Structure formats: structure tokens, C-alpha cells
């Protein structure tokens, strides 16, 4: 049972970390390489919330708001002029990530910080005691997935977003403001990134580079999933399960590289990935 729970909780954490990157890539087809630094911002948001004595659960909205504001600023000042130059946009976001990490380092230093979990102890499932906080990540990931899919499929914003993705020129010709859609999508993606950093912080330490370790896996998962959040959920479940198995039965170091290797193999065999799931 513990192994099965490891599968699901790992998949949930991978989805939470990757969803912000997917939001931006799905609309703009631009990979935001500042995503790792944005996750780190979320981690330090959790650290500050804990330091100020604010109950941990109330910091979720704060972390999202901080990320949304950062995303809005970055989209207007850096990404907006580069929509037609995707390679330059990737390089710009990579440079932005380095700048954000340096700003975090100047403010907080390089030392590692720890944040206590808002949910202590374990919960017994069929006689197996398991971390309560890791377990809560499963419904969090499911709710997040349902919310994003609902936003993209059941709202006017979602309809306009799909129109921009399918044919931006045609969408603008019928009155859809593609620039505004991109602005909102990028801001939402950054908000989801800082929220992810906030959520994973009680399970790891906080340092300026904490998000960078998650960036490669998130990038590979998004590449395999394409522009489908359902595909991303399936990808996280499959690759998360394989990562756990490799880490346990082969080697933890190799397990850390498992997602990148499996993603490369998957894209070689199935170039469209799980985008049509």
C-alpha cells in the first residue's frame, strides 16, 4: 500500500509543479525557463508566511497572487515583444530565472531554510501509516486539474484561448484580443508556479535553487503532454510511477534521471506524446 501511495503522491507533486509551465506553453508555445526560479519564489513565500506566524493554509492565495503579479510584470516588459521570436523568448526567460535567483540570494542569502508542514503526522490507510501532507497533495492535484480544465473548457476565457491556440490571426479577426489572452495565461502560469513552490516546501528545504531541481522534470513532462492538461495528468501518473520504481529497485540517483530519459524515449517513439489523450 505504501508503494501505491508513493505512485499517486509523486504523480500529484509532479502535476502541481508542471501545471504552471503547461499553462504558458499550451497557449504561447513558449517554454518559460524562469519556472524554476518562480517555484523558488513560492518556497520563500512559504518561508515568510511561516516566519510571520500566518497559518500555512492562508498563504496559498498569497503565494498565487505574488506569482501572478510577477508573471504580469514579466509578460508586459520582457515576453510581449518576443512572441514572434520564440527562441529569443526562451533565452530571455532563462536569463530572467538567473536574475530572480540572484535577487532571492541577495535578500535571503544562500543558507537552507526549513518550513514546518501545516499538517503534521500520518494517516492510516488499510493499516499503512503515511504522511498526511503528502496524501493531501493528491486531492489538491485533482482539484487543480479539474479547475484548469474547467477554466479552459467551460468559460469564455477558455473558448477565446482555444481560438488563439488554433488560429491567432482568425481569432483576432473576430474581435478576440490575443494579447490579453496571452497576458492572462502567462500570469496564471506564474501564479501556479509560485503556488507549486509553496505547496512543495514542507516536503523539502528552501534555498534559492530549490525550483531548478524541478524544472527539468517539469519541462520533459510538458513536452510529452503537449498542450493537454489531461495528457499532463496521465504523463505525471505514468512517469511518476516509473520514477518511484526505478528509485526503489534500481538506484535513487538513476531514479532522479528517469523522467528525462523516459521522456526522450517516449518522444522518439511517439513524437506527439500524450497530447491526444
C-alpha atoms as a PDB file:
ATOM      1  CA  UNK A   1       0.000   0.000   0.000  1.00  0.00           C
ATOM      2  CA  UNK A   2       2.851   2.390   0.819  1.00  0.00           C
ATOM      3  CA  UNK A   3       4.292   1.826  -2.669  1.00  0.00           C
ATOM      4  CA  UNK A   4       0.925   2.535  -4.285  1.00  0.00           C
ATOM      5  CA  UNK A   5       0.591   5.747  -2.285  1.00  0.00           C
ATOM      6  CA  UNK A   6       4.112   6.729  -3.384  1.00  0.00           C
ATOM      7  CA  UNK A   7       2.952   6.366  -7.003  1.00  0.00           C
ATOM      8  CA  UNK A   8      -0.035   8.649  -6.533  1.00  0.00           C
ATOM      9  CA  UNK A   9       1.628  11.280  -4.356  1.00  0.00           C
ATOM     10  CA  UNK A  10       4.641  11.528  -6.663  1.00  0.00           C
ATOM     11  CA  UNK A  11       2.340  11.953  -9.666  1.00  0.00           C
ATOM     12  CA  UNK A  12       0.365  14.609  -7.770  1.00  0.00           C
ATOM     13  CA  UNK A  13       3.501  16.592  -6.913  1.00  0.00           C
ATOM     14  CA  UNK A  14       4.750  16.378 -10.497  1.00  0.00           C
ATOM     15  CA  UNK A  15       1.418  17.648 -11.814  1.00  0.00           C
ATOM     16  CA  UNK A  16       1.309  20.530  -9.340  1.00  0.00           C
ATOM     17  CA  UNK A  17       4.839  21.592 -10.288  1.00  0.00           C
ATOM     18  CA  UNK A  18       4.263  21.223 -14.059  1.00  0.00           C
ATOM     19  CA  UNK A  19       0.826  22.844 -14.394  1.00  0.00           C
ATOM     20  CA  UNK A  20       2.115  26.422 -14.477  1.00  0.00           C
ATOM     21  CA  UNK A  21       4.626  25.594 -17.180  1.00  0.00           C
ATOM     22  CA  UNK A  22       1.865  23.865 -19.146  1.00  0.00           C
ATOM     23  CA  UNK A  23      -0.448  26.881 -18.888  1.00  0.00           C
ATOM     24  CA  UNK A  24       2.139  29.074 -20.575  1.00  0.00           C
ATOM     25  CA  UNK A  25       3.326  26.527 -23.126  1.00  0.00           C
ATOM     26  CA  UNK A  26      -0.196  25.477 -24.066  1.00  0.00           C
ATOM     27  CA  UNK A  27      -1.203  28.998 -25.070  1.00  0.00           C
ATOM     28  CA  UNK A  28       2.062  30.571 -26.232  1.00  0.00           C
ATOM     29  CA  UNK A  29       4.149  27.557 -27.279  1.00  0.00           C
ATOM     30  CA  UNK A  30       6.924  29.200 -25.276  1.00  0.00           C
ATOM     31  CA  UNK A  31       8.755  27.263 -22.584  1.00  0.00           C
ATOM     32  CA  UNK A  32       9.162  29.503 -19.549  1.00  0.00           C
ATOM     33  CA  UNK A  33      12.634  28.602 -18.282  1.00  0.00           C
ATOM     34  CA  UNK A  34      12.160  31.020 -15.391  1.00  0.00           C
ATOM     35  CA  UNK A  35       9.681  28.483 -13.998  1.00  0.00           C
ATOM     36  CA  UNK A  36      12.295  27.017 -11.640  1.00  0.00           C
ATOM     37  CA  UNK A  37      13.053  30.425 -10.137  1.00  0.00           C
ATOM     38  CA  UNK A  38       9.325  31.146  -9.836  1.00  0.00           C
ATOM     39  CA  UNK A  39       8.920  27.911  -7.870  1.00  0.00           C
ATOM     40  CA  UNK A  40      11.707  29.154  -5.589  1.00  0.00           C
ATOM     41  CA  UNK A  41       9.788  32.404  -5.066  1.00  0.00           C
ATOM     42  CA  UNK A  42       6.845  30.305  -3.900  1.00  0.00           C
ATOM     43  CA  UNK A  43       9.135  28.466  -1.499  1.00  0.00           C
ATOM     44  CA  UNK A  44      10.276  31.718   0.076  1.00  0.00           C
ATOM     45  CA  UNK A  45       6.667  32.897   0.230  1.00  0.00           C
ATOM     46  CA  UNK A  46       6.016  29.830   2.395  1.00  0.00           C
ATOM     47  CA  UNK A  47       9.079  30.673   4.489  1.00  0.00           C
ATOM     48  CA  UNK A  48       7.896  34.259   5.076  1.00  0.00           C
ATOM     49  CA  UNK A  49       4.344  33.147   5.879  1.00  0.00           C
ATOM     50  CA  UNK A  50       5.730  30.753   8.490  1.00  0.00           C
ATOM     51  CA  UNK A  51       8.088  33.396   9.862  1.00  0.00           C
ATOM     52  CA  UNK A  52       5.239  35.891  10.277  1.00  0.00           C
ATOM     53  CA  UNK A  53       3.172  33.289  12.089  1.00  0.00           C
ATOM     54  CA  UNK A  54       0.394  33.214   9.494  1.00  0.00           C
ATOM     55  CA  UNK A  55      -1.413  29.826   9.326  1.00  0.00           C
ATOM     56  CA  UNK A  56       0.065  27.892   6.427  1.00  0.00           C
ATOM     57  CA  UNK A  57      -3.174  27.254   4.549  1.00  0.00           C
ATOM     58  CA  UNK A  58      -3.886  31.002   4.285  1.00  0.00           C
ATOM     59  CA  UNK A  59      -0.657  31.531   2.408  1.00  0.00           C
ATOM     60  CA  UNK A  60      -1.900  29.693  -0.682  1.00  0.00           C
ATOM     61  CA  UNK A  61      -3.717  32.731  -2.041  1.00  0.00           C
ATOM     62  CA  UNK A  62      -0.779  34.983  -1.155  1.00  0.00           C
ATOM     63  CA  UNK A  63       1.701  32.767  -2.986  1.00  0.00           C
ATOM     64  CA  UNK A  64      -0.520  32.641  -6.072  1.00  0.00           C
ATOM     65  CA  UNK A  65      -1.027  36.427  -6.011  1.00  0.00           C
ATOM     66  CA  UNK A  66       2.724  37.065  -5.799  1.00  0.00           C
ATOM     67  CA  UNK A  67       3.358  34.787  -8.765  1.00  0.00           C
ATOM     68  CA  UNK A  68       0.501  36.315 -10.765  1.00  0.00           C
ATOM     69  CA  UNK A  69       1.928  39.806 -10.194  1.00  0.00           C
ATOM     70  CA  UNK A  70       5.425  38.695 -11.210  1.00  0.00           C
ATOM     71  CA  UNK A  71       4.023  36.998 -14.302  1.00  0.00           C
ATOM     72  CA  UNK A  72       2.033  40.080 -15.293  1.00  0.00           C
ATOM     73  CA  UNK A  73       5.112  42.286 -14.978  1.00  0.00           C
ATOM     74  CA  UNK A  74       7.377  39.887 -16.868  1.00  0.00           C
ATOM     75  CA  UNK A  75       4.858  39.339 -19.678  1.00  0.00           C
ATOM     76  CA  UNK A  76       4.441  43.050 -20.323  1.00  0.00           C
ATOM     77  CA  UNK A  77       8.117  44.028 -20.034  1.00  0.00           C
ATOM     78  CA  UNK A  78      10.004  41.006 -21.365  1.00  0.00           C
ATOM     79  CA  UNK A  79       7.880  38.404 -23.137  1.00  0.00           C
ATOM     80  CA  UNK A  80       5.421  40.637 -25.046  1.00  0.00           C
ATOM     81  CA  UNK A  81       7.944  41.875 -27.650  1.00  0.00           C
ATOM     82  CA  UNK A  82       9.194  38.314 -28.232  1.00  0.00           C
ATOM     83  CA  UNK A  83       6.035  36.418 -29.223  1.00  0.00           C
ATOM     84  CA  UNK A  84       7.220  36.094 -32.810  1.00  0.00           C
ATOM     85  CA  UNK A  85      10.729  35.129 -31.690  1.00  0.00           C
ATOM     86  CA  UNK A  86      10.211  32.003 -29.558  1.00  0.00           C
ATOM     87  CA  UNK A  87      13.922  31.158 -29.305  1.00  0.00           C
ATOM     88  CA  UNK A  88      14.671  34.645 -28.018  1.00  0.00           C
ATOM     89  CA  UNK A  89      11.758  34.312 -25.589  1.00  0.00           C
ATOM     90  CA  UNK A  90      13.211  31.065 -24.228  1.00  0.00           C
ATOM     91  CA  UNK A  91      16.621  32.700 -23.769  1.00  0.00           C
ATOM     92  CA  UNK A  92      15.001  35.728 -22.138  1.00  0.00           C
ATOM     93  CA  UNK A  93      13.110  33.595 -19.614  1.00  0.00           C
ATOM     94  CA  UNK A  94      16.275  31.609 -18.901  1.00  0.00           C
ATOM     95  CA  UNK A  95      18.109  34.868 -18.147  1.00  0.00           C
ATOM     96  CA  UNK A  96      15.172  36.047 -16.059  1.00  0.00           C
ATOM     97  CA  UNK A  97      15.392  32.872 -13.988  1.00  0.00           C
ATOM     98  CA  UNK A  98      19.064  33.607 -13.234  1.00  0.00           C
ATOM     99  CA  UNK A  99      18.212  37.179 -12.248  1.00  0.00           C
ATOM    100  CA  UNK A 100      15.377  36.063  -9.946  1.00  0.00           C
ATOM    101  CA  UNK A 101      17.634  33.532  -8.229  1.00  0.00           C
ATOM    102  CA  UNK A 102      20.264  36.216  -7.645  1.00  0.00           C
ATOM    103  CA  UNK A 103      17.652  38.593  -6.212  1.00  0.00           C
ATOM    104  CA  UNK A 104      16.436  35.851  -3.855  1.00  0.00           C
ATOM    105  CA  UNK A 105      20.054  35.184  -2.829  1.00  0.00           C
ATOM    106  CA  UNK A 106      20.685  38.864  -2.091  1.00  0.00           C
ATOM    107  CA  UNK A 107      17.574  39.104   0.077  1.00  0.00           C
ATOM    108  CA  UNK A 108      17.644  35.759   1.894  1.00  0.00           C
ATOM    109  CA  UNK A 109      21.198  34.517   1.458  1.00  0.00           C
ATOM    110  CA  UNK A 110      22.318  31.076   0.321  1.00  0.00           C
ATOM    111  CA  UNK A 111      21.548  29.218   3.531  1.00  0.00           C
ATOM    112  CA  UNK A 112      18.962  26.462   3.542  1.00  0.00           C
ATOM    113  CA  UNK A 113      15.710  27.088   5.423  1.00  0.00           C
ATOM    114  CA  UNK A 114      13.077  24.669   6.655  1.00  0.00           C
ATOM    115  CA  UNK A 115       9.327  25.239   6.840  1.00  0.00           C
ATOM    116  CA  UNK A 116       7.110  23.121   9.042  1.00  0.00           C
ATOM    117  CA  UNK A 117       4.201  21.307   7.452  1.00  0.00           C
ATOM    118  CA  UNK A 118       0.748  22.757   8.197  1.00  0.00           C
ATOM    119  CA  UNK A 119      -0.445  19.184   8.566  1.00  0.00           C
ATOM    120  CA  UNK A 120       1.680  17.095  10.912  1.00  0.00           C
ATOM    121  CA  UNK A 121       1.677  13.370  11.498  1.00  0.00           C
ATOM    122  CA  UNK A 122       0.496  10.416   9.492  1.00  0.00           C
ATOM    123  CA  UNK A 123      -2.792   8.984   8.318  1.00  0.00           C
ATOM    124  CA  UNK A 124      -3.505   5.244   8.307  1.00  0.00           C
ATOM    125  CA  UNK A 125      -4.854   3.689   5.099  1.00  0.00           C
ATOM    126  CA  UNK A 126      -5.582  -0.029   5.276  1.00  0.00           C
ATOM    127  CA  UNK A 127      -3.193  -0.276   8.193  1.00  0.00           C
ATOM    128  CA  UNK A 128      -0.405   1.660   6.454  1.00  0.00           C
ATOM    129  CA  UNK A 129       0.711   4.910   8.103  1.00  0.00           C
ATOM    130  CA  UNK A 130       1.539   7.566   5.525  1.00  0.00           C
ATOM    131  CA  UNK A 131       2.448  11.266   5.627  1.00  0.00           C
ATOM    132  CA  UNK A 132      -0.750  13.297   5.933  1.00  0.00           C
ATOM    133  CA  UNK A 133       0.673  16.231   3.992  1.00  0.00           C
ATOM    134  CA  UNK A 134       1.818  14.080   1.069  1.00  0.00           C
ATOM    135  CA  UNK A 135      -1.622  12.484   0.987  1.00  0.00           C
ATOM    136  CA  UNK A 136      -3.369  15.854   0.830  1.00  0.00           C
ATOM    137  CA  UNK A 137      -1.403  16.616  -2.345  1.00  0.00           C
ATOM    138  CA  UNK A 138      -3.499  14.006  -4.211  1.00  0.00           C
ATOM    139  CA  UNK A 139      -6.851  15.835  -3.861  1.00  0.00           C
ATOM    140  CA  UNK A 140      -5.039  19.158  -4.352  1.00  0.00           C
ATOM    141  CA  UNK A 141      -3.709  17.943  -7.718  1.00  0.00           C
ATOM    142  CA  UNK A 142      -7.123  16.567  -8.723  1.00  0.00           C
ATOM    143  CA  UNK A 143      -8.883  19.825  -7.816  1.00  0.00           C
ATOM    144  CA  UNK A 144      -6.219  21.854  -9.618  1.00  0.00           C
ATOM    145  CA  UNK A 145      -6.557  19.683 -12.727  1.00  0.00           C
ATOM    146  CA  UNK A 146     -10.364  19.960 -12.670  1.00  0.00           C
ATOM    147  CA  UNK A 147     -10.190  23.730 -12.121  1.00  0.00           C
ATOM    148  CA  UNK A 148      -7.798  24.331 -15.019  1.00  0.00           C
ATOM    149  CA  UNK A 149      -9.717  22.045 -17.373  1.00  0.00           C
ATOM    150  CA  UNK A 150     -12.957  23.745 -16.315  1.00  0.00           C
ATOM    151  CA  UNK A 151     -11.415  27.158 -16.954  1.00  0.00           C
ATOM    152  CA  UNK A 152     -10.215  26.181 -20.428  1.00  0.00           C
ATOM    153  CA  UNK A 153     -13.346  24.267 -21.466  1.00  0.00           C
ATOM    154  CA  UNK A 154     -16.218  25.908 -19.619  1.00  0.00           C
ATOM    155  CA  UNK A 155     -15.590  29.655 -19.677  1.00  0.00           C
ATOM    156  CA  UNK A 156     -15.454  32.445 -22.239  1.00  0.00           C
ATOM    157  CA  UNK A 157     -11.775  32.850 -21.464  1.00  0.00           C
ATOM    158  CA  UNK A 158     -11.243  29.188 -22.297  1.00  0.00           C
ATOM    159  CA  UNK A 159     -13.122  29.454 -25.581  1.00  0.00           C
ATOM    160  CA  UNK A 160     -11.092  32.514 -26.566  1.00  0.00           C
ATOM    161  CA  UNK A 161      -7.885  30.791 -25.506  1.00  0.00           C
ATOM    162  CA  UNK A 162      -8.625  27.780 -27.707  1.00  0.00           C
ATOM    163  CA  UNK A 163      -9.351  30.108 -30.612  1.00  0.00           C
ATOM    164  CA  UNK A 164      -5.994  31.842 -30.140  1.00  0.00           C
ATOM    165  CA  UNK A 165      -4.184  28.489 -29.929  1.00  0.00           C
ATOM    166  CA  UNK A 166      -5.847  27.148 -33.083  1.00  0.00           C
ATOM    167  CA  UNK A 167      -5.554  30.250 -35.264  1.00  0.00           C
ATOM    168  CA  UNK A 168      -4.458  33.532 -33.713  1.00  0.00           C
ATOM    169  CA  UNK A 169      -4.958  35.610 -36.866  1.00  0.00           C
ATOM    170  CA  UNK A 170      -8.513  34.327 -37.305  1.00  0.00           C
ATOM    171  CA  UNK A 171      -9.255  34.841 -33.615  1.00  0.00           C
ATOM    172  CA  UNK A 172      -8.144  38.475 -33.791  1.00  0.00           C
ATOM    173  CA  UNK A 173     -10.208  38.998 -36.941  1.00  0.00           C
ATOM    174  CA  UNK A 174     -13.387  38.143 -34.987  1.00  0.00           C
ATOM    175  CA  UNK A 175     -12.542  40.517 -32.166  1.00  0.00           C
ATOM    176  CA  UNK A 176     -10.593  38.364 -29.703  1.00  0.00           C
ATOM    177  CA  UNK A 177      -7.759  40.239 -28.026  1.00  0.00           C
ATOM    178  CA  UNK A 178      -4.944  37.681 -28.346  1.00  0.00           C
ATOM    179  CA  UNK A 179      -2.534  39.904 -26.433  1.00  0.00           C
ATOM    180  CA  UNK A 180      -4.847  39.954 -23.416  1.00  0.00           C
ATOM    181  CA  UNK A 181      -5.285  36.170 -23.566  1.00  0.00           C
ATOM    182  CA  UNK A 182      -1.519  35.695 -23.573  1.00  0.00           C
ATOM    183  CA  UNK A 183      -1.140  38.164 -20.712  1.00  0.00           C
ATOM    184  CA  UNK A 184      -3.657  36.310 -18.552  1.00  0.00           C
ATOM    185  CA  UNK A 185      -2.249  32.886 -19.447  1.00  0.00           C
ATOM    186  CA  UNK A 186       1.318  33.879 -18.604  1.00  0.00           C
ATOM    187  CA  UNK A 187       0.235  35.486 -15.331  1.00  0.00           C
ATOM    188  CA  UNK A 188      -1.817  32.420 -14.387  1.00  0.00           C
ATOM    189  CA  UNK A 189       1.106  30.149 -15.233  1.00  0.00           C
ATOM    190  CA  UNK A 190       3.447  32.145 -12.996  1.00  0.00           C
ATOM    191  CA  UNK A 191       0.834  32.123 -10.226  1.00  0.00           C
ATOM    192  CA  UNK A 192       0.565  28.345 -10.473  1.00  0.00           C
ATOM    193  CA  UNK A 193       4.359  28.169 -10.320  1.00  0.00           C
ATOM    194  CA  UNK A 194       4.654  30.077  -7.036  1.00  0.00           C
ATOM    195  CA  UNK A 195       1.708  28.110  -5.641  1.00  0.00           C
ATOM    196  CA  UNK A 196       3.567  24.907  -6.511  1.00  0.00           C
ATOM    197  CA  UNK A 197       6.665  26.168  -4.730  1.00  0.00           C
ATOM    198  CA  UNK A 198       4.573  26.999  -1.682  1.00  0.00           C
ATOM    199  CA  UNK A 199       2.972  23.559  -1.649  1.00  0.00           C
ATOM    200  CA  UNK A 200       6.141  21.500  -2.029  1.00  0.00           C
ATOM    201  CA  UNK A 201       8.135  23.491   0.535  1.00  0.00           C
ATOM    202  CA  UNK A 202       7.076  21.463   3.623  1.00  0.00           C
ATOM    203  CA  UNK A 203       8.364  18.352   1.822  1.00  0.00           C
ATOM    204  CA  UNK A 204      11.789  19.804   1.052  1.00  0.00           C
ATOM    205  CA  UNK A 205      14.190  22.508   2.154  1.00  0.00           C
ATOM    206  CA  UNK A 206      14.078  26.108   0.917  1.00  0.00           C
ATOM    207  CA  UNK A 207      17.034  27.612  -0.910  1.00  0.00           C
ATOM    208  CA  UNK A 208      17.423  29.882  -3.959  1.00  0.00           C
ATOM    209  CA  UNK A 209      17.892  26.904  -6.299  1.00  0.00           C
ATOM    210  CA  UNK A 210      15.107  24.688  -4.945  1.00  0.00           C
ATOM    211  CA  UNK A 211      12.936  25.198  -8.025  1.00  0.00           C
ATOM    212  CA  UNK A 212      15.701  24.484 -10.529  1.00  0.00           C
ATOM    213  CA  UNK A 213      15.758  20.833  -9.476  1.00  0.00           C
ATOM    214  CA  UNK A 214      12.109  20.530 -10.523  1.00  0.00           C
ATOM    215  CA  UNK A 215      12.453  22.446 -13.789  1.00  0.00           C
ATOM    216  CA  UNK A 216      13.934  19.681 -15.968  1.00  0.00           C
ATOM    217  CA  UNK A 217      11.303  17.141 -14.957  1.00  0.00           C
ATOM    218  CA  UNK A 218       8.507  19.686 -15.442  1.00  0.00           C
ATOM    219  CA  UNK A 219       9.892  20.620 -18.863  1.00  0.00           C
ATOM    220  CA  UNK A 220      10.097  16.998 -20.017  1.00  0.00           C
ATOM    221  CA  UNK A 221       6.602  16.202 -18.730  1.00  0.00           C
ATOM    222  CA  UNK A 222       5.134  19.188 -20.585  1.00  0.00           C
ATOM    223  CA  UNK A 223       6.942  18.233 -23.805  1.00  0.00           C
ATOM    224  CA  UNK A 224       5.432  14.749 -23.646  1.00  0.00           C
ATOM    225  CA  UNK A 225       1.957  16.018 -22.691  1.00  0.00           C
ATOM    226  CA  UNK A 226       1.821  18.603 -25.483  1.00  0.00           C
ATOM    227  CA  UNK A 227      -0.924  21.143 -24.773  1.00  0.00           C
ATOM    228  CA  UNK A 228      -3.333  18.810 -22.986  1.00  0.00           C
ATOM    229  CA  UNK A 229      -3.822  19.017 -19.214  1.00  0.00           C
ATOM    230  CA  UNK A 230      -5.421  15.581 -19.289  1.00  0.00           C
ATOM    231  CA  UNK A 231      -2.327  14.388 -21.141  1.00  0.00           C
ATOM    232  CA  UNK A 232      -0.165  16.055 -18.491  1.00  0.00           C
ATOM    233  CA  UNK A 233      -2.064  14.269 -15.723  1.00  0.00           C
ATOM    234  CA  UNK A 234      -1.611  10.904 -17.457  1.00  0.00           C
ATOM    235  CA  UNK A 235       2.062  11.646 -18.143  1.00  0.00           C
ATOM    236  CA  UNK A 236       2.704  12.534 -14.495  1.00  0.00           C
ATOM    237  CA  UNK A 237       0.980   9.349 -13.338  1.00  0.00           C
ATOM    238  CA  UNK A 238       2.910   7.078 -15.724  1.00  0.00           C
ATOM    239  CA  UNK A 239       6.312   8.728 -15.354  1.00  0.00           C
ATOM    240  CA  UNK A 240       5.910   9.322 -11.622  1.00  0.00           C
ATOM    241  CA  UNK A 241       5.190   5.626 -11.114  1.00  0.00           C
ATOM    242  CA  UNK A 242       8.227   4.626 -13.165  1.00  0.00           C
ATOM    243  CA  UNK A 243      10.426   7.111 -11.304  1.00  0.00           C
ATOM    244  CA  UNK A 244       9.425   5.608  -7.952  1.00  0.00           C
ATOM    245  CA  UNK A 245      10.045   2.062  -9.192  1.00  0.00           C
ATOM    246  CA  UNK A 246      13.473   2.923 -10.585  1.00  0.00           C
ATOM    247  CA  UNK A 247      14.425   4.793  -7.405  1.00  0.00           C
ATOM    248  CA  UNK A 248      13.441   1.864  -5.180  1.00  0.00           C
ATOM    249  CA  UNK A 249      14.543  -1.138  -7.210  1.00  0.00           C
ATOM    250  CA  UNK A 250      17.486   0.249  -9.186  1.00  0.00           C
ATOM    251  CA  UNK A 251      19.121   3.354  -7.745  1.00  0.00           C
ATOM    252  CA  UNK A 252      17.820   6.677  -6.335  1.00  0.00           C
ATOM    253  CA  UNK A 253      20.291   8.661  -8.447  1.00  0.00           C
ATOM    254  CA  UNK A 254      19.156   6.916 -11.625  1.00  0.00           C
ATOM    255  CA  UNK A 255      15.578   7.403 -10.436  1.00  0.00           C
ATOM    256  CA  UNK A 256      16.175  11.142 -10.391  1.00  0.00           C
ATOM    257  CA  UNK A 257      17.090  10.983 -14.090  1.00  0.00           C
ATOM    258  CA  UNK A 258      14.330   8.542 -15.015  1.00  0.00           C
ATOM    259  CA  UNK A 259      11.765  11.101 -16.180  1.00  0.00           C
ATOM    260  CA  UNK A 260      14.186  12.866 -18.536  1.00  0.00           C
ATOM    261  CA  UNK A 261      15.338   9.574 -20.063  1.00  0.00           C
ATOM    262  CA  UNK A 262      11.827   8.141 -20.364  1.00  0.00           C
ATOM    263  CA  UNK A 263      10.544  11.359 -21.909  1.00  0.00           C
ATOM    264  CA  UNK A 264      13.279  11.306 -24.538  1.00  0.00           C
ATOM    265  CA  UNK A 265      12.455   7.690 -25.389  1.00  0.00           C
ATOM    266  CA  UNK A 266       8.712   8.418 -25.496  1.00  0.00           C
ATOM    267  CA  UNK A 267       9.136  11.372 -27.856  1.00  0.00           C
ATOM    268  CA  UNK A 268      11.363   9.272 -30.086  1.00  0.00           C
ATOM    269  CA  UNK A 269       8.740   6.530 -30.355  1.00  0.00           C
ATOM    270  CA  UNK A 270       5.635   8.737 -30.158  1.00  0.00           C
ATOM    271  CA  UNK A 271       6.508  12.314 -31.261  1.00  0.00           C
ATOM    272  CA  UNK A 272       3.025  13.620 -30.392  1.00  0.00           C
ATOM    273  CA  UNK A 273       3.424  12.309 -26.840  1.00  0.00           C
ATOM    274  CA  UNK A 274       0.183  12.114 -24.877  1.00  0.00           C
ATOM    275  CA  UNK A 275      -1.268  15.293 -26.364  1.00  0.00           C
ATOM    276  CA  UNK A 276      -4.262  13.412 -27.831  1.00  0.00           C
ATOM    277  CA  UNK A 277      -5.170  11.583 -24.635  1.00  0.00           C
END
